[in-house]
Amino acid sequence: MIPPPLIDWAVWSNLDRYRDTELILLKGHLLLEFMLSEGLSTRLSLTDQQIRKLSFREKLKALATATETDKGLTEALEFLEQLNRLRNRLAHEPFPKLETDLATWSDQVLHVFLKSKHQRYTPRTKITQAISALARSVYESASSEA
């Protein structure tokens, strides 16, 4: 098992190099999807082939059914569902206005999941830290059942 703080740091440091909020959203979504896949592999013993067939939303639903008693993971999955809706707006609307919604989302995530602050807060750094905190939480919860 990788120490959860290392997951937090690895995701944050990967995202911190980007300055464009939309790119952070897309890359963060991808990294979180990887964490969901790890959780499905660990908790449900799904194969890589089975996991690859699932959309982000289907991964959330599958993991949610296996973790109904894990309050922390249930909260994380709710935030991941919200992030997925924001990512879908970015992918399907020509000129999405996401700044306010991403700021609200990141504030809420950090209020619940922040374990360690990596840098001073700006709108961009709040998003990177919220994504890294969620990645840590998903990884930690998935690994605790292994």
N, C-alpha and C. Protein backbone atom coordinates (compact mmCIF):
# COMPACT_ATOMS: atom_id res chain seq x y z
N MET A 1 0.84 -1.19 0.00
CA MET A 1 0.00 0.00 0.00
C MET A 1 0.89 1.25 0.00
N ILE A 2 0.55 2.18 -0.84
CA ILE A 2 1.25 3.46 -0.89
C ILE A 2 0.71 4.32 0.25
N PRO A 3 1.58 5.00 1.00
CA PRO A 3 1.07 5.87 2.07
C PRO A 3 0.14 6.94 1.48
N PRO A 4 -1.08 7.07 2.03
CA PRO A 4 -2.03 8.06 1.49
C PRO A 4 -1.49 9.48 1.33
N PRO A 5 -0.63 9.98 2.28
CA PRO A 5 -0.10 11.33 2.05
C PRO A 5 0.71 11.43 0.75
N LEU A 6 1.32 10.33 0.34
CA LEU A 6 2.08 10.34 -0.91
C LEU A 6 1.13 10.46 -2.11
N ILE A 7 -0.02 9.82 -2.03
CA ILE A 7 -1.04 9.95 -3.09
C ILE A 7 -1.47 11.41 -3.18
N ASP A 8 -1.78 11.99 -2.04
CA ASP A 8 -2.19 13.40 -1.96
C ASP A 8 -1.13 14.28 -2.62
N TRP A 9 0.11 14.13 -2.22
CA TRP A 9 1.19 14.95 -2.75
C TRP A 9 1.41 14.72 -4.24
N ALA A 10 1.39 13.46 -4.68
CA ALA A 10 1.64 13.14 -6.09
C ALA A 10 0.58 13.76 -7.00
N VAL A 11 -0.67 13.68 -6.61
CA VAL A 11 -1.74 14.27 -7.42
C VAL A 11 -1.61 15.79 -7.40
N TRP A 12 -1.42 16.37 -6.22
CA TRP A 12 -1.30 17.82 -6.13
C TRP A 12 -0.11 18.32 -6.97
N SER A 13 1.05 17.69 -6.81
CA SER A 13 2.24 18.19 -7.51
C SER A 13 2.11 18.03 -9.02
N ASN A 14 1.40 17.00 -9.46
CA ASN A 14 1.17 16.82 -10.90
C ASN A 14 0.28 17.95 -11.43
N LEU A 15 -0.77 18.27 -10.69
CA LEU A 15 -1.71 19.30 -11.15
C LEU A 15 -1.18 20.72 -10.97
N ASP A 16 -0.32 20.92 -9.99
CA ASP A 16 0.15 22.26 -9.68
C ASP A 16 0.96 22.89 -10.80
N ARG A 17 1.50 22.12 -11.68
CA ARG A 17 2.30 22.68 -12.78
C ARG A 17 1.44 23.33 -13.87
N TYR A 18 0.14 23.07 -13.84
CA TYR A 18 -0.76 23.65 -14.84
C TYR A 18 -1.34 24.95 -14.32
N ARG A 19 -1.50 25.91 -15.21
CA ARG A 19 -2.05 27.21 -14.84
C ARG A 19 -3.50 27.38 -15.31
N ASP A 20 -3.89 26.65 -16.32
CA ASP A 20 -5.23 26.76 -16.90
C ASP A 20 -6.21 25.91 -16.09
N THR A 21 -7.24 26.55 -15.55
CA THR A 21 -8.22 25.87 -14.71
C THR A 21 -8.92 24.73 -15.45
N GLU A 22 -9.21 24.94 -16.72
CA GLU A 22 -9.89 23.89 -17.49
C GLU A 22 -9.00 22.66 -17.64
N LEU A 23 -7.72 22.87 -17.85
CA LEU A 23 -6.79 21.75 -17.96
C LEU A 23 -6.65 21.04 -16.62
N ILE A 24 -6.63 21.79 -15.54
CA ILE A 24 -6.58 21.19 -14.20
C ILE A 24 -7.82 20.32 -13.97
N LEU A 25 -8.97 20.82 -14.38
CA LEU A 25 -10.21 20.05 -14.25
C LEU A 25 -10.12 18.74 -15.04
N LEU A 26 -9.66 18.82 -16.27
CA LEU A 26 -9.57 17.61 -17.10
C LEU A 26 -8.53 16.62 -16.57
N LYS A 27 -7.35 17.10 -16.24
CA LYS A 27 -6.30 16.23 -15.71
C LYS A 27 -6.70 15.67 -14.34
N GLY A 28 -7.29 16.50 -13.51
CA GLY A 28 -7.74 16.05 -12.20
C GLY A 28 -8.81 14.99 -12.30
N HIS A 29 -9.73 15.17 -13.22
CA HIS A 29 -10.79 14.19 -13.47
C HIS A 29 -10.16 12.86 -13.86
N LEU A 30 -9.17 12.90 -14.72
CA LEU A 30 -8.48 11.69 -15.16
C LEU A 30 -7.77 10.99 -14.00
N LEU A 31 -7.07 11.75 -13.16
CA LEU A 31 -6.38 11.16 -12.02
C LEU A 31 -7.38 10.56 -11.01
N LEU A 32 -8.50 11.24 -10.81
CA LEU A 32 -9.52 10.71 -9.92
C LEU A 32 -10.16 9.45 -10.49
N GLU A 33 -10.32 9.42 -11.79
CA GLU A 33 -10.87 8.21 -12.42
C GLU A 33 -9.93 7.02 -12.19
N PHE A 34 -8.63 7.29 -12.23
CA PHE A 34 -7.65 6.24 -11.94
C PHE A 34 -7.83 5.73 -10.51
N MET A 35 -8.06 6.63 -9.56
CA MET A 35 -8.27 6.23 -8.17
C MET A 35 -9.56 5.42 -8.03
N LEU A 36 -10.60 5.81 -8.75
CA LEU A 36 -11.84 5.03 -8.74
C LEU A 36 -11.60 3.62 -9.26
N SER A 37 -10.83 3.53 -10.33
CA SER A 37 -10.53 2.22 -10.92
C SER A 37 -9.77 1.35 -9.92
N GLU A 38 -8.84 1.96 -9.20
CA GLU A 38 -8.11 1.21 -8.17
C GLU A 38 -9.06 0.72 -7.09
N GLY A 39 -9.99 1.57 -6.71
CA GLY A 39 -10.98 1.18 -5.70
C GLY A 39 -11.85 0.04 -6.17
N LEU A 40 -12.26 0.07 -7.43
CA LEU A 40 -13.08 -1.01 -7.97
C LEU A 40 -12.30 -2.32 -8.04
N SER A 41 -11.05 -2.22 -8.36
CA SER A 41 -10.19 -3.40 -8.41
C SER A 41 -10.03 -4.00 -7.01
N THR A 42 -9.80 -3.14 -6.03
CA THR A 42 -9.57 -3.59 -4.66
C THR A 42 -10.85 -4.07 -3.98
N ARG A 43 -11.87 -3.24 -4.01
CA ARG A 43 -13.10 -3.54 -3.27
C ARG A 43 -13.99 -4.57 -3.95
N LEU A 44 -14.07 -4.52 -5.28
CA LEU A 44 -14.99 -5.41 -5.99
C LEU A 44 -14.28 -6.50 -6.79
N SER A 45 -12.96 -6.46 -6.75
CA SER A 45 -12.15 -7.44 -7.50
C SER A 45 -12.51 -7.47 -8.98
N LEU A 46 -12.83 -6.31 -9.54
CA LEU A 46 -13.10 -6.24 -10.98
C LEU A 46 -11.78 -6.30 -11.74
N THR A 47 -11.81 -6.88 -12.92
CA THR A 47 -10.62 -6.95 -13.76
C THR A 47 -10.42 -5.62 -14.47
N ASP A 48 -9.22 -5.41 -14.99
CA ASP A 48 -8.95 -4.19 -15.75
C ASP A 48 -9.89 -4.08 -16.94
N GLN A 49 -10.17 -5.18 -17.58
CA GLN A 49 -11.06 -5.17 -18.74
C GLN A 49 -12.48 -4.75 -18.34
N GLN A 50 -12.96 -5.26 -17.22
CA GLN A 50 -14.30 -4.87 -16.74
C GLN A 50 -14.33 -3.39 -16.39
N ILE A 51 -13.28 -2.91 -15.76
CA ILE A 51 -13.22 -1.51 -15.33
C ILE A 51 -13.15 -0.57 -16.52
N ARG A 52 -12.38 -0.94 -17.54
CA ARG A 52 -12.25 -0.08 -18.73
C ARG A 52 -13.58 0.14 -19.44
N LYS A 53 -14.50 -0.78 -19.31
CA LYS A 53 -15.81 -0.66 -19.97
C LYS A 53 -16.74 0.32 -19.26
N LEU A 54 -16.40 0.72 -18.06
CA LEU A 54 -17.27 1.58 -17.27
C LEU A 54 -16.95 3.05 -17.49
N SER A 55 -17.98 3.87 -17.57
CA SER A 55 -17.79 5.32 -17.62
C SER A 55 -17.46 5.81 -16.21
N PHE A 56 -17.08 7.05 -16.11
CA PHE A 56 -16.77 7.64 -14.80
C PHE A 56 -17.98 7.48 -13.88
N ARG A 57 -19.14 7.83 -14.39
CA ARG A 57 -20.38 7.77 -13.57
C ARG A 57 -20.69 6.33 -13.16
N GLU A 58 -20.50 5.39 -14.07
CA GLU A 58 -20.74 3.98 -13.74
C GLU A 58 -19.76 3.49 -12.68
N LYS A 59 -18.54 3.98 -12.72
CA LYS A 59 -17.55 3.63 -11.69
C LYS A 59 -18.01 4.17 -10.33
N LEU A 60 -18.53 5.39 -10.32
CA LEU A 60 -19.04 5.96 -9.07
C LEU A 60 -20.17 5.11 -8.50
N LYS A 61 -21.10 4.74 -9.36
CA LYS A 61 -22.24 3.94 -8.92
C LYS A 61 -21.80 2.57 -8.41
N ALA A 62 -20.89 1.93 -9.12
CA ALA A 62 -20.43 0.60 -8.72
C ALA A 62 -19.72 0.67 -7.36
N LEU A 63 -18.88 1.66 -7.18
CA LEU A 63 -18.17 1.79 -5.92
C LEU A 63 -19.12 2.18 -4.79
N ALA A 64 -20.12 2.98 -5.10
CA ALA A 64 -21.09 3.39 -4.08
C ALA A 64 -21.85 2.19 -3.53
N THR A 65 -22.20 1.24 -4.36
CA THR A 65 -22.94 0.08 -3.88
C THR A 65 -22.09 -0.79 -2.96
N ALA A 66 -20.79 -0.74 -3.14
CA ALA A 66 -19.89 -1.56 -2.32
C ALA A 66 -19.45 -0.85 -1.05
N THR A 67 -19.79 0.42 -0.91
CA THR A 67 -19.24 1.19 0.22
C THR A 67 -20.31 1.95 0.99
N GLU A 68 -21.51 1.41 1.03
CA GLU A 68 -22.60 2.13 1.68
C GLU A 68 -22.34 2.46 3.14
N THR A 69 -21.51 1.68 3.82
CA THR A 69 -21.26 1.92 5.24
C THR A 69 -20.04 2.82 5.48
N ASP A 70 -19.35 3.21 4.43
CA ASP A 70 -18.16 4.06 4.55
C ASP A 70 -18.56 5.51 4.31
N LYS A 71 -18.84 6.24 5.39
CA LYS A 71 -19.34 7.62 5.27
C LYS A 71 -18.36 8.53 4.52
N GLY A 72 -17.07 8.39 4.80
CA GLY A 72 -16.07 9.22 4.13
C GLY A 72 -16.04 9.00 2.64
N LEU A 73 -16.08 7.74 2.22
CA LEU A 73 -16.07 7.45 0.79
C LEU A 73 -17.38 7.87 0.14
N THR A 74 -18.49 7.71 0.85
CA THR A 74 -19.78 8.15 0.32
C THR A 74 -19.76 9.65 0.04
N GLU A 75 -19.20 10.43 0.97
CA GLU A 75 -19.08 11.88 0.76
C GLU A 75 -18.16 12.18 -0.42
N ALA A 76 -17.05 11.47 -0.49
CA ALA A 76 -16.11 11.69 -1.60
C ALA A 76 -16.78 11.39 -2.94
N LEU A 77 -17.54 10.33 -3.00
CA LEU A 77 -18.22 9.97 -4.25
C LEU A 77 -19.24 11.03 -4.66
N GLU A 78 -19.88 11.66 -3.69
CA GLU A 78 -20.82 12.75 -3.99
C GLU A 78 -20.07 13.93 -4.61
N PHE A 79 -18.91 14.26 -4.06
CA PHE A 79 -18.11 15.35 -4.63
C PHE A 79 -17.58 14.97 -6.01
N LEU A 80 -17.26 13.71 -6.19
CA LEU A 80 -16.79 13.25 -7.51
C LEU A 80 -17.91 13.34 -8.54
N GLU A 81 -19.13 13.07 -8.13
CA GLU A 81 -20.28 13.21 -9.04
C GLU A 81 -20.44 14.67 -9.45
N GLN A 82 -20.28 15.58 -8.50
CA GLN A 82 -20.37 17.01 -8.81
C GLN A 82 -19.26 17.42 -9.77
N LEU A 83 -18.04 16.94 -9.52
CA LEU A 83 -16.92 17.26 -10.40
C LEU A 83 -17.16 16.70 -11.80
N ASN A 84 -17.73 15.52 -11.88
CA ASN A 84 -18.02 14.92 -13.18
C ASN A 84 -19.02 15.78 -13.96
N ARG A 85 -20.01 16.33 -13.27
CA ARG A 85 -20.96 17.22 -13.95
C ARG A 85 -20.26 18.48 -14.48
N LEU A 86 -19.33 19.01 -13.70
CA LEU A 86 -18.57 20.18 -14.16
C LEU A 86 -17.71 19.83 -15.37
N ARG A 87 -17.07 18.67 -15.33
CA ARG A 87 -16.26 18.23 -16.46
C ARG A 87 -17.11 18.02 -17.70
N ASN A 88 -18.30 17.49 -17.52
CA ASN A 88 -19.21 17.29 -18.66
C ASN A 88 -19.65 18.62 -19.26
N ARG A 89 -19.85 19.62 -18.41
CA ARG A 89 -20.17 20.96 -18.95
C ARG A 89 -19.02 21.47 -19.80
N LEU A 90 -17.80 21.27 -19.33
CA LEU A 90 -16.63 21.70 -20.08
C LEU A 90 -16.55 20.97 -21.42
N ALA A 91 -16.90 19.71 -21.43
CA ALA A 91 -16.79 18.90 -22.65
C ALA A 91 -17.93 19.16 -23.64
N HIS A 92 -19.08 19.62 -23.14
CA HIS A 92 -20.25 19.70 -24.02
C HIS A 92 -20.83 21.08 -24.23
N GLU A 93 -20.33 22.07 -23.52
CA GLU A 93 -20.79 23.44 -23.72
C GLU A 93 -19.66 24.24 -24.38
N PRO A 94 -19.98 25.04 -25.39
CA PRO A 94 -18.91 25.77 -26.09
C PRO A 94 -18.19 26.80 -25.21
N PHE A 95 -18.90 27.47 -24.33
CA PHE A 95 -18.28 28.50 -23.48
C PHE A 95 -18.79 28.36 -22.05
N PRO A 96 -18.41 27.29 -21.38
CA PRO A 96 -18.92 27.11 -20.01
C PRO A 96 -18.30 28.12 -19.06
N LYS A 97 -19.09 28.59 -18.15
CA LYS A 97 -18.60 29.48 -17.10
C LYS A 97 -18.50 28.62 -15.83
N LEU A 98 -17.30 28.15 -15.56
CA LEU A 98 -17.10 27.19 -14.48
C LEU A 98 -16.44 27.77 -13.23
N GLU A 99 -15.88 28.95 -13.32
CA GLU A 99 -15.06 29.48 -12.24
C GLU A 99 -15.79 29.50 -10.91
N THR A 100 -16.99 30.04 -10.88
CA THR A 100 -17.74 30.15 -9.63
C THR A 100 -18.10 28.77 -9.09
N ASP A 101 -18.57 27.89 -9.97
CA ASP A 101 -18.95 26.54 -9.54
C ASP A 101 -17.74 25.75 -9.05
N LEU A 102 -16.61 25.87 -9.73
CA LEU A 102 -15.40 25.17 -9.29
C LEU A 102 -14.90 25.73 -7.96
N ALA A 103 -15.02 27.04 -7.78
CA ALA A 103 -14.60 27.65 -6.51
C ALA A 103 -15.46 27.15 -5.36
N THR A 104 -16.77 27.11 -5.57
CA THR A 104 -17.68 26.61 -4.54
C THR A 104 -17.39 25.14 -4.24
N TRP A 105 -17.23 24.36 -5.31
CA TRP A 105 -16.95 22.92 -5.16
C TRP A 105 -15.66 22.71 -4.37
N SER A 106 -14.59 23.41 -4.74
CA SER A 106 -13.31 23.20 -4.06
C SER A 106 -13.38 23.63 -2.60
N ASP A 107 -14.07 24.72 -2.29
CA ASP A 107 -14.23 25.15 -0.89
C ASP A 107 -14.92 24.05 -0.07
N GLN A 108 -15.97 23.47 -0.63
CA GLN A 108 -16.71 22.43 0.08
C GLN A 108 -15.85 21.18 0.29
N VAL A 109 -15.11 20.78 -0.73
CA VAL A 109 -14.24 19.61 -0.62
C VAL A 109 -13.17 19.84 0.44
N LEU A 110 -12.52 20.99 0.39
CA LEU A 110 -11.45 21.28 1.34
C LEU A 110 -11.97 21.35 2.77
N HIS A 111 -13.18 21.83 2.94
CA HIS A 111 -13.77 21.88 4.27
C HIS A 111 -13.91 20.48 4.87
N VAL A 112 -14.21 19.50 4.04
CA VAL A 112 -14.44 18.13 4.51
C VAL A 112 -13.17 17.29 4.51
N PHE A 113 -12.33 17.42 3.47
CA PHE A 113 -11.26 16.45 3.25
C PHE A 113 -9.83 16.95 3.39
N LEU A 114 -9.60 18.22 3.60
CA LEU A 114 -8.22 18.70 3.63
C LEU A 114 -7.45 18.08 4.80
N LYS A 115 -6.34 17.45 4.48
CA LYS A 115 -5.46 16.87 5.51
C LYS A 115 -4.20 17.71 5.65
N SER A 116 -3.65 18.17 4.54
CA SER A 116 -2.45 19.00 4.60
C SER A 116 -2.48 20.03 3.49
N LYS A 117 -2.23 21.26 3.87
CA LYS A 117 -2.23 22.36 2.92
C LYS A 117 -0.84 22.45 2.29
N HIS A 118 -0.78 22.42 0.96
CA HIS A 118 0.50 22.41 0.27
C HIS A 118 1.03 23.80 -0.05
N GLN A 119 0.15 24.79 -0.13
CA GLN A 119 0.57 26.13 -0.50
C GLN A 119 -0.54 27.12 -0.14
N ARG A 120 -0.26 28.40 -0.33
CA ARG A 120 -1.29 29.39 -0.04
C ARG A 120 -2.43 29.23 -1.04
N TYR A 121 -3.59 29.66 -0.64
CA TYR A 121 -4.77 29.47 -1.48
C TYR A 121 -4.94 30.58 -2.51
N THR A 122 -5.20 30.16 -3.70
CA THR A 122 -5.70 31.00 -4.79
C THR A 122 -6.85 30.18 -5.37
N PRO A 123 -7.66 30.75 -6.22
CA PRO A 123 -8.72 29.93 -6.83
C PRO A 123 -8.17 28.66 -7.50
N ARG A 124 -7.03 28.79 -8.18
CA ARG A 124 -6.45 27.63 -8.87
C ARG A 124 -5.91 26.61 -7.88
N THR A 125 -5.20 27.05 -6.86
CA THR A 125 -4.60 26.10 -5.93
C THR A 125 -5.65 25.40 -5.06
N LYS A 126 -6.77 26.07 -4.81
CA LYS A 126 -7.85 25.40 -4.09
C LYS A 126 -8.36 24.21 -4.89
N ILE A 127 -8.46 24.37 -6.19
CA ILE A 127 -8.94 23.27 -7.05
C ILE A 127 -7.94 22.12 -7.03
N THR A 128 -6.65 22.43 -7.18
CA THR A 128 -5.64 21.36 -7.18
C THR A 128 -5.62 20.62 -5.85
N GLN A 129 -5.74 21.36 -4.77
CA GLN A 129 -5.71 20.73 -3.45
C GLN A 129 -6.99 19.95 -3.16
N ALA A 130 -8.12 20.42 -3.67
CA ALA A 130 -9.38 19.68 -3.48
C ALA A 130 -9.31 18.34 -4.22
N ILE A 131 -8.81 18.37 -5.44
CA ILE A 131 -8.69 17.14 -6.22
C ILE A 131 -7.73 16.18 -5.53
N SER A 132 -6.60 16.68 -5.04
CA SER A 132 -5.63 15.79 -4.39
C SER A 132 -6.19 15.22 -3.08
N ALA A 133 -6.95 16.02 -2.34
CA ALA A 133 -7.56 15.54 -1.10
C ALA A 133 -8.57 14.43 -1.39
N LEU A 134 -9.35 14.59 -2.47
CA LEU A 134 -10.30 13.54 -2.85
C LEU A 134 -9.59 12.27 -3.31
N ALA A 135 -8.51 12.44 -4.06
CA ALA A 135 -7.75 11.26 -4.51
C ALA A 135 -7.23 10.49 -3.30
N ARG A 136 -6.71 11.20 -2.34
CA ARG A 136 -6.23 10.54 -1.11
C ARG A 136 -7.36 9.81 -0.41
N SER A 137 -8.49 10.46 -0.26
CA SER A 137 -9.62 9.87 0.44
C SER A 137 -10.11 8.59 -0.25
N VAL A 138 -10.24 8.66 -1.57
CA VAL A 138 -10.71 7.49 -2.32
C VAL A 138 -9.70 6.36 -2.18
N TYR A 139 -8.43 6.68 -2.33
CA TYR A 139 -7.38 5.66 -2.21
C TYR A 139 -7.37 5.05 -0.80
N GLU A 140 -7.43 5.91 0.20
CA GLU A 140 -7.40 5.46 1.59
C GLU A 140 -8.57 4.52 1.89
N SER A 141 -9.75 4.91 1.47
CA SER A 141 -10.94 4.08 1.72
C SER A 141 -10.90 2.77 0.98
N ALA A 142 -10.47 2.82 -0.26
CA ALA A 142 -10.39 1.59 -1.07
C ALA A 142 -9.35 0.64 -0.49
N SER A 143 -8.24 1.17 -0.03
CA SER A 143 -7.16 0.34 0.50
C SER A 143 -7.49 -0.22 1.86
N SER A 144 -8.32 0.49 2.62
CA SER A 144 -8.63 0.02 3.98
C SER A 144 -9.45 -1.26 3.97
N GLU A 145 -10.11 -1.55 2.88
CA GLU A 145 -10.93 -2.76 2.80
C GLU A 145 -10.16 -3.93 2.21
N ALA A 146 -8.94 -3.65 1.72
CA ALA A 146 -8.17 -4.71 1.06
C ALA A 146 -7.70 -5.75 2.04
